[in-house]
Protein backbone atom coordinates (compact mmCIF):
# COMPACT_ATOMS: atom_id res chain seq x y z
CA MET A 1 29.31 -62.88 -9.56
CA ALA A 2 26.91 -64.20 -6.96
CA ARG A 3 26.03 -62.99 -3.49
CA PHE A 4 25.27 -65.33 -0.60
CA LEU A 5 24.06 -64.92 2.94
CA HIS A 6 26.17 -67.30 5.01
CA LEU A 7 24.50 -68.51 8.21
CA SER A 8 25.66 -71.21 10.58
CA ASP A 9 24.99 -72.93 13.88
CA LEU A 10 21.32 -72.14 14.47
CA HIS A 11 20.97 -74.97 17.03
CA VAL A 12 17.17 -74.87 16.90
CA VAL A 13 15.15 -76.98 19.35
CA PRO A 14 11.37 -77.35 19.60
CA GLU A 15 9.34 -74.46 20.96
CA GLY A 16 9.39 -74.29 24.74
CA GLN A 17 12.81 -75.93 25.04
CA LEU A 18 16.16 -74.30 25.79
CA VAL A 19 19.64 -75.27 24.64
CA SER A 20 21.88 -75.89 27.65
CA SER A 21 19.09 -74.52 29.86
CA GLN A 22 19.92 -71.03 28.56
CA LEU A 23 19.24 -70.40 24.89
CA ASP A 24 15.79 -70.08 23.33
CA THR A 25 17.20 -70.81 19.91
CA ALA A 26 13.85 -70.88 18.10
CA ARG A 27 13.24 -67.32 19.29
CA LEU A 28 16.81 -66.26 18.50
CA LEU A 29 16.49 -67.53 14.93
CA ARG A 30 13.16 -65.78 14.51
CA LEU A 31 14.71 -62.49 15.67
CA ALA A 32 17.74 -63.03 13.43
CA ILE A 33 15.54 -63.49 10.37
CA ASP A 34 13.50 -60.43 11.39
CA THR A 35 16.73 -58.42 11.44
CA LEU A 36 17.97 -59.76 8.14
CA THR A 37 14.69 -59.16 6.30
CA THR A 38 14.83 -55.48 7.29
CA ARG A 39 18.40 -55.25 5.99
CA LEU A 40 18.04 -56.99 2.63
CA ASP A 41 17.55 -53.71 0.75
CA ALA A 42 20.79 -52.36 2.21
CA ILE A 43 22.71 -55.56 1.53
CA GLY A 44 21.63 -55.64 -2.09
CA PRO A 45 20.32 -58.54 -4.17
CA VAL A 46 21.08 -61.97 -2.69
CA ASP A 47 21.25 -65.08 -4.87
CA ALA A 48 21.10 -67.78 -2.19
CA VAL A 49 21.24 -68.48 1.53
CA LEU A 50 23.98 -70.92 2.54
CA VAL A 51 23.79 -72.59 5.97
CA THR A 52 26.89 -74.48 7.12
CA GLY A 53 25.39 -76.91 9.61
CA ASP A 54 23.98 -77.38 13.08
CA ILE A 55 20.61 -76.18 11.89
CA SER A 56 19.12 -78.31 14.68
CA ASP A 57 20.58 -78.92 18.12
CA ASP A 58 18.81 -82.23 18.70
CA GLY A 59 18.06 -83.55 15.19
CA SER A 60 14.30 -83.49 15.84
CA THR A 61 11.70 -83.15 13.11
CA GLU A 62 10.07 -80.22 14.91
CA SER A 63 13.32 -78.29 15.15
CA TYR A 64 13.82 -78.55 11.38
CA GLU A 65 10.25 -77.46 10.72
CA ILE A 66 10.87 -74.32 12.79
CA ALA A 67 14.21 -73.61 11.13
CA ARG A 68 12.91 -74.24 7.62
CA ARG A 69 9.91 -71.96 8.17
CA ASP A 70 12.08 -69.06 9.30
CA LEU A 71 14.82 -69.53 6.71
CA MET A 72 12.23 -69.49 3.93
CA ARG A 73 11.09 -66.06 5.12
CA LEU A 74 14.25 -64.67 3.53
CA GLY A 75 12.75 -65.53 0.14
CA HIS A 76 15.91 -66.91 -1.45
CA ARG A 77 17.24 -70.22 -2.66
CA LEU A 78 18.46 -72.34 0.23
CA LEU A 79 21.68 -74.40 0.32
CA VAL A 80 22.38 -76.52 3.42
CA VAL A 81 25.00 -78.92 4.77
CA PRO A 82 24.71 -80.88 8.03
CA GLY A 83 26.73 -80.31 11.19
CA ASN A 84 27.56 -82.53 14.13
CA HIS A 85 24.30 -81.74 15.98
CA ASP A 86 22.15 -82.56 12.96
CA GLY A 87 20.47 -85.91 12.32
CA ARG A 88 21.21 -86.91 8.74
CA GLU A 89 17.85 -88.51 7.94
CA THR A 90 15.64 -85.93 9.66
CA PHE A 91 17.79 -83.23 8.01
CA ARG A 92 17.32 -84.91 4.63
CA ALA A 93 13.57 -85.18 5.13
CA ALA A 94 13.25 -81.52 6.11
CA PHE A 95 15.02 -80.35 2.95
CA SER A 96 14.03 -83.16 0.59
CA ASP A 97 12.53 -80.74 -1.93
CA LEU A 98 15.80 -78.87 -2.49
CA PRO A 99 17.14 -79.84 -5.93
CA GLU A 100 20.58 -80.74 -4.57
CA MET A 101 19.31 -83.11 -1.88
CA ARG A 102 20.12 -86.76 -2.54
CA PRO A 103 17.53 -89.35 -1.46
CA THR A 104 20.13 -91.57 0.26
CA GLY A 105 23.73 -91.53 1.38
CA LEU A 106 25.86 -88.58 2.34
CA ILE A 107 24.48 -85.08 1.92
CA ASP A 108 27.03 -83.87 -0.63
CA TRP A 109 25.97 -81.71 -3.55
CA ILE A 110 26.96 -79.31 -6.32
CA ALA A 111 25.02 -76.15 -7.17
CA ASP A 112 25.80 -73.52 -9.80
CA ILE A 113 24.55 -70.10 -8.72
CA GLY A 114 25.17 -67.46 -11.37
CA ASP A 115 28.82 -67.81 -12.33
CA THR A 116 29.75 -69.44 -9.01
CA ARG A 117 29.99 -73.14 -8.24
CA VAL A 118 29.08 -74.15 -4.67
CA ILE A 119 30.11 -77.58 -3.41
CA GLY A 120 28.51 -78.83 -0.20
CA LEU A 121 30.26 -81.57 1.77
CA ASP A 122 28.90 -83.75 4.56
CA THR A 123 31.32 -84.10 7.51
CA LEU A 124 28.80 -85.47 10.01
CA ILE A 125 29.74 -88.47 12.16
CA GLU A 126 26.48 -89.14 13.96
CA GLY A 127 26.90 -89.35 17.71
CA LYS A 128 30.25 -87.53 17.69
CA GLY A 129 31.32 -83.89 17.85
CA GLY A 130 34.15 -84.14 15.36
CA GLY A 131 33.81 -84.54 11.62
CA VAL A 132 35.46 -86.31 8.71
CA LEU A 133 35.48 -86.17 4.93
CA ARG A 134 34.85 -89.63 3.41
CA ASP A 135 36.40 -90.85 0.18
CA GLU A 136 33.16 -90.43 -1.73
CA SER A 137 32.86 -86.79 -0.64
CA LEU A 138 36.44 -86.13 -1.73
CA ALA A 139 35.73 -87.83 -5.08
CA LEU A 140 32.66 -85.65 -5.64
CA LEU A 141 34.73 -82.59 -4.76
CA SER A 142 37.44 -83.55 -7.24
CA GLU A 143 34.91 -84.09 -10.02
CA ALA A 144 33.15 -80.80 -9.24
CA LEU A 145 36.43 -78.90 -9.33
CA SER A 146 37.57 -80.54 -12.57
CA THR A 147 34.35 -79.44 -14.31
CA ALA A 148 34.17 -75.96 -12.74
CA GLY A 149 35.54 -74.38 -15.91
CA GLY A 150 37.31 -71.54 -14.12
CA ARG A 151 34.25 -70.49 -12.12
CA GLN A 152 34.66 -68.94 -8.71
CA THR A 153 34.11 -71.86 -6.35
CA LEU A 154 32.91 -72.09 -2.76
CA VAL A 155 33.37 -75.28 -0.75
CA ALA A 156 30.91 -75.39 2.15
CA LEU A 157 31.24 -77.75 5.11
CA HIS A 158 30.52 -77.61 8.82
CA HIS A 159 33.86 -78.49 10.42
CA PRO A 160 36.57 -76.01 9.42
CA PRO A 161 39.88 -77.41 8.13
CA LEU A 162 41.93 -75.25 10.47
CA GLN A 163 42.89 -74.90 14.12
CA THR A 164 41.39 -71.95 15.99
CA GLY A 165 43.30 -72.19 19.26
CA LEU A 166 40.07 -72.93 21.13
CA ARG A 167 41.16 -76.25 22.58
CA PHE A 168 37.73 -77.68 23.32
CA MET A 169 36.57 -76.95 19.77
CA ASP A 170 39.77 -77.98 18.00
CA ALA A 171 39.43 -81.33 19.81
CA ILE A 172 36.21 -81.95 17.86
CA GLY A 173 37.33 -80.48 14.54
CA LEU A 174 37.80 -82.01 11.11
CA GLU A 175 39.81 -85.22 11.36
CA ASN A 176 41.42 -85.09 7.91
CA PRO A 177 41.97 -81.52 6.69
CA ASN A 178 45.05 -82.61 4.74
CA ALA A 179 42.90 -84.88 2.57
CA LEU A 180 40.85 -81.81 1.61
CA ARG A 181 43.98 -79.80 0.88
CA ILE A 182 45.36 -82.50 -1.41
CA VAL A 183 42.20 -82.51 -3.53
CA LEU A 184 42.05 -78.72 -3.72
CA ASP A 185 45.72 -78.50 -4.70
CA GLN A 186 45.14 -80.80 -7.67
CA HIS A 187 42.86 -78.27 -9.38
CA ASP A 188 43.19 -74.72 -10.65
CA ALA A 189 39.68 -73.53 -9.83
CA PRO A 190 39.76 -70.46 -7.52
CA VAL A 191 38.38 -71.84 -4.25
CA ARG A 192 37.24 -70.39 -0.95
CA VAL A 193 36.29 -72.71 1.90
CA LEU A 194 33.35 -71.67 4.12
CA ALA A 195 32.59 -73.38 7.42
CA GLY A 196 30.87 -73.00 10.78
CA HIS A 197 31.12 -75.04 13.99
CA VAL A 198 33.30 -72.62 15.99
CA HIS A 199 30.66 -69.90 16.56
CA GLY A 200 32.97 -67.10 15.51
CA VAL A 201 34.96 -65.58 12.68
CA TYR A 202 38.31 -67.26 11.98
CA HIS A 203 40.35 -66.71 8.84
CA GLY A 204 43.13 -69.05 7.79
CA LEU A 205 44.72 -70.89 4.91
CA LEU A 206 44.55 -74.53 3.89
CA GLY A 207 47.65 -74.62 1.73
CA ARG A 208 47.01 -71.73 -0.65
CA HIS A 209 43.25 -71.78 -0.18
CA PRO A 210 41.48 -69.26 2.08
CA VAL A 211 39.21 -70.59 4.83
CA VAL A 212 36.70 -68.54 6.82
CA THR A 213 34.16 -69.50 9.47
CA ALA A 214 30.83 -67.79 10.14
CA PRO A 215 29.55 -66.64 13.50
CA SER A 216 26.57 -68.40 15.05
CA CYS A 217 23.05 -67.03 15.11
CA CYS A 218 22.60 -68.05 18.76
CA SER A 219 25.84 -67.96 20.77
CA ALA A 220 29.61 -67.50 20.70
CA PHE A 221 32.80 -68.84 22.25
CA ALA A 222 35.14 -66.42 23.96
CA LEU A 223 38.64 -66.27 22.49
CA ASP A 224 40.64 -67.80 25.33
CA LEU A 225 43.86 -69.53 24.28
CA ARG A 226 45.01 -70.57 27.74
CA GLU A 227 45.49 -74.25 28.42
CA ASP A 228 43.02 -74.06 31.32
CA ALA A 229 40.46 -71.96 29.45
CA PRO A 230 36.90 -72.57 30.67
CA VAL A 231 34.69 -74.68 28.42
CA GLY A 232 31.39 -73.00 27.63
CA PHE A 233 29.56 -70.47 25.50
CA MET A 234 28.64 -66.80 25.59
CA THR A 235 25.24 -65.43 24.59
CA GLY A 236 26.94 -63.17 22.06
CA PRO A 237 28.10 -61.68 19.87
CA THR A 238 25.90 -63.37 17.30
CA GLY A 239 25.89 -62.85 13.56
CA CYS A 240 26.08 -64.22 10.07
CA ALA A 241 27.93 -63.16 6.93
CA LEU A 242 27.66 -61.99 3.34
CA ILE A 243 29.96 -63.20 0.57
CA ASP A 244 30.25 -61.66 -2.88
CA THR A 245 32.12 -63.83 -5.37
CA GLY A 246 32.58 -61.13 -8.01
CA ALA A 247 35.92 -59.52 -8.85
CA GLY A 248 37.06 -57.81 -5.68
CA GLY A 249 34.18 -59.31 -3.73
CA VAL A 250 34.67 -59.99 -0.05
CA TRP A 251 33.29 -62.08 2.82
CA THR A 252 31.80 -59.68 5.37
CA GLU A 253 30.52 -60.39 8.86
CA LEU A 254 26.99 -59.15 9.58
CA PRO A 255 26.34 -58.64 13.30
CA LEU A 256 22.78 -59.29 14.38
CA ARG A 257 22.82 -56.53 17.00
CA HIS A 258 23.82 -52.97 16.23
CA GLY A 259 24.56 -49.85 18.18
CA GLU A 260 22.66 -46.64 17.54
CA GLY A 261 23.17 -44.61 14.38
CA PRO A 262 24.31 -43.87 11.79
CA PHE A 263 25.36 -40.41 12.97
CA ARG A 264 26.88 -37.79 10.70
CA PHE A 265 30.64 -37.35 10.84
């Protein structure tokens, strides 16, 4: 088994700046990491921290320096894929020392953590909100699955291969989810797909393969399925997740704000 903290959508900007004139995302990440470090003993041993994109909001070098500094406070191996707000080359430079990081090209990678294979896929189309899986990413995925040897396998990408019902987010989703499904269906490795982008928890299936999205560390989108639903964000709830890939292991949301307690029953 292996246990992962799953974070997504940090949207960090340089100190003194606000996202959408509202969110001090550098401060929100710092507080999130403060909360998580106090909870690590309760969560149990963690093997790696997986971040499914939008680490930066503006792709700036300073934003990645801030994010990297706080993420490293967790003291665990770091696995990262880019999201639509990230800048591929500044992202690459910020995490160039990670063993999976390629010096050029798409930021796709394979990492074996314990008995679990993690496959990171780059869906970023710079300058656009939506994402796509290129042929070379799908080829890497196919090769990684064919050599997984029956390991539990996580596929990590930013844009989820499902529809949430949030029209303004589905409009900038993954362009070719069926291409991903076709590759997954060709292999017998047990696969779970982890994503971000939608700032909330959504469970679904891509063919026979489970898909789940993580909440954001900085904001959320209200579940409003009306055709005229307002476009915008909420300041919460915020959170992240924990996934255990052992037998019977589950993906569990971890809220970043708690009520009082625990009280005795």
